[in-house]
Amino acid sequence: MAPDASADPPSAAALDQIKAAVGAKGWIEDTAEIAPWLKEPRGIYAGACALMVRPETTEQVAKVIEICNMHGIAVVPQGGNTGLC
């Protein structure tokens, strides 16, 4: 399914809160670095995201989900791009 083009992008404040929650090593904003994770193996579907988050603890996951919920930001978990989901 294509991403909802009508959805507003996350606010800078929300993204800053997420970045703070996971620390400097817990997020990627570079679109070129994120690109491989936005396509499924068959090449049929592609996603879009403002920020890729890589939390290291369950506490960080919970905080990111809490922030996203507060700001109405959609979350799509990624299981490693194995195609086995």
Protein backbone atom coordinates (compact mmCIF):
# COMPACT_ATOMS: atom_id res chain seq x y z
CA MET A 1 0.00 0.00 0.00
CA ALA A 2 1.35 3.44 -0.86
CA PRO A 3 2.00 5.87 1.97
CA ASP A 4 -0.75 8.39 2.69
CA ALA A 5 0.47 11.43 0.79
CA SER A 6 -2.12 13.58 2.53
CA ALA A 7 -0.66 12.94 5.98
CA ASP A 8 1.21 15.83 7.53
CA PRO A 9 4.89 15.20 8.19
CA PRO A 10 5.92 14.92 11.83
CA SER A 11 6.81 18.21 13.49
CA ALA A 12 10.44 19.08 14.15
CA ALA A 13 9.63 19.13 17.88
CA ALA A 14 8.29 15.56 17.74
CA LEU A 15 11.32 14.34 15.82
CA ASP A 16 13.64 16.06 18.32
CA GLN A 17 11.85 14.30 21.20
CA ILE A 18 12.25 10.95 19.47
CA LYS A 19 15.94 11.59 18.79
CA ALA A 20 16.48 12.51 22.44
CA ALA A 21 14.67 9.35 23.58
CA VAL A 22 16.98 7.01 21.65
CA GLY A 23 20.23 8.96 21.76
CA ALA A 24 22.62 9.92 18.97
CA LYS A 25 23.18 6.35 17.74
CA GLY A 26 19.49 5.42 17.79
CA TRP A 27 18.20 7.22 14.72
CA ILE A 28 18.93 7.82 11.04
CA GLU A 29 17.64 10.81 9.08
CA ASP A 30 19.73 10.50 5.91
CA THR A 31 17.28 9.49 3.16
CA ALA A 32 19.97 7.63 1.20
CA GLU A 33 20.82 5.52 4.24
CA ILE A 34 17.14 4.81 4.98
CA ALA A 35 16.25 3.97 1.35
CA PRO A 36 17.09 0.22 1.44
CA TRP A 37 14.57 -0.30 4.26
CA LEU A 38 11.73 1.41 2.40
CA LYS A 39 11.27 -1.22 -0.32
CA GLU A 40 9.99 -4.72 0.13
CA PRO A 41 11.87 -7.61 -1.55
CA ARG A 42 9.59 -7.86 -4.60
CA GLY A 43 9.93 -4.14 -5.35
CA ILE A 44 6.16 -3.71 -5.54
CA TYR A 45 5.67 -1.51 -2.49
CA ALA A 46 7.75 1.39 -1.21
CA GLY A 47 7.40 3.38 1.95
CA ALA A 48 8.44 6.79 3.16
CA CYS A 49 9.58 8.03 6.54
CA ALA A 50 10.97 11.16 8.11
CA LEU A 51 13.17 9.29 10.56
CA MET A 52 14.31 5.72 11.05
CA VAL A 53 14.58 4.85 14.73
CA ARG A 54 16.72 2.03 16.09
CA PRO A 55 16.07 1.77 19.83
CA GLU A 56 18.33 -0.46 21.88
CA THR A 57 16.11 -1.10 24.90
CA THR A 58 12.46 -1.81 25.56
CA GLU A 59 12.35 1.45 27.52
CA GLN A 60 13.44 3.35 24.41
CA VAL A 61 10.80 1.54 22.33
CA ALA A 62 8.12 2.46 24.86
CA LYS A 63 9.21 6.10 24.93
CA VAL A 64 9.25 6.37 21.11
CA ILE A 65 5.77 4.84 20.90
CA GLU A 66 4.54 7.23 23.61
CA ILE A 67 5.93 10.26 21.73
CA CYS A 68 4.49 9.07 18.42
CA ASN A 69 1.10 8.51 20.03
CA MET A 70 1.13 12.02 21.55
CA HIS A 71 1.89 13.55 18.14
CA GLY A 72 -0.28 11.28 15.96
CA ILE A 73 2.73 9.80 14.15
CA ALA A 74 2.33 6.43 12.43
CA VAL A 75 4.82 3.72 13.41
CA VAL A 76 5.81 0.85 11.14
CA PRO A 77 7.98 -1.83 12.77
CA GLN A 78 10.59 -3.39 10.51
CA GLY A 79 11.76 -6.92 11.13
CA GLY A 80 15.10 -6.89 9.35
CA ASN A 81 13.94 -7.02 5.71
CA THR A 82 14.06 -10.81 5.64
CA GLY A 83 10.72 -11.20 3.86
CA LEU A 84 9.73 -13.76 6.49
CA CYS A 85 6.97 -11.75 8.14
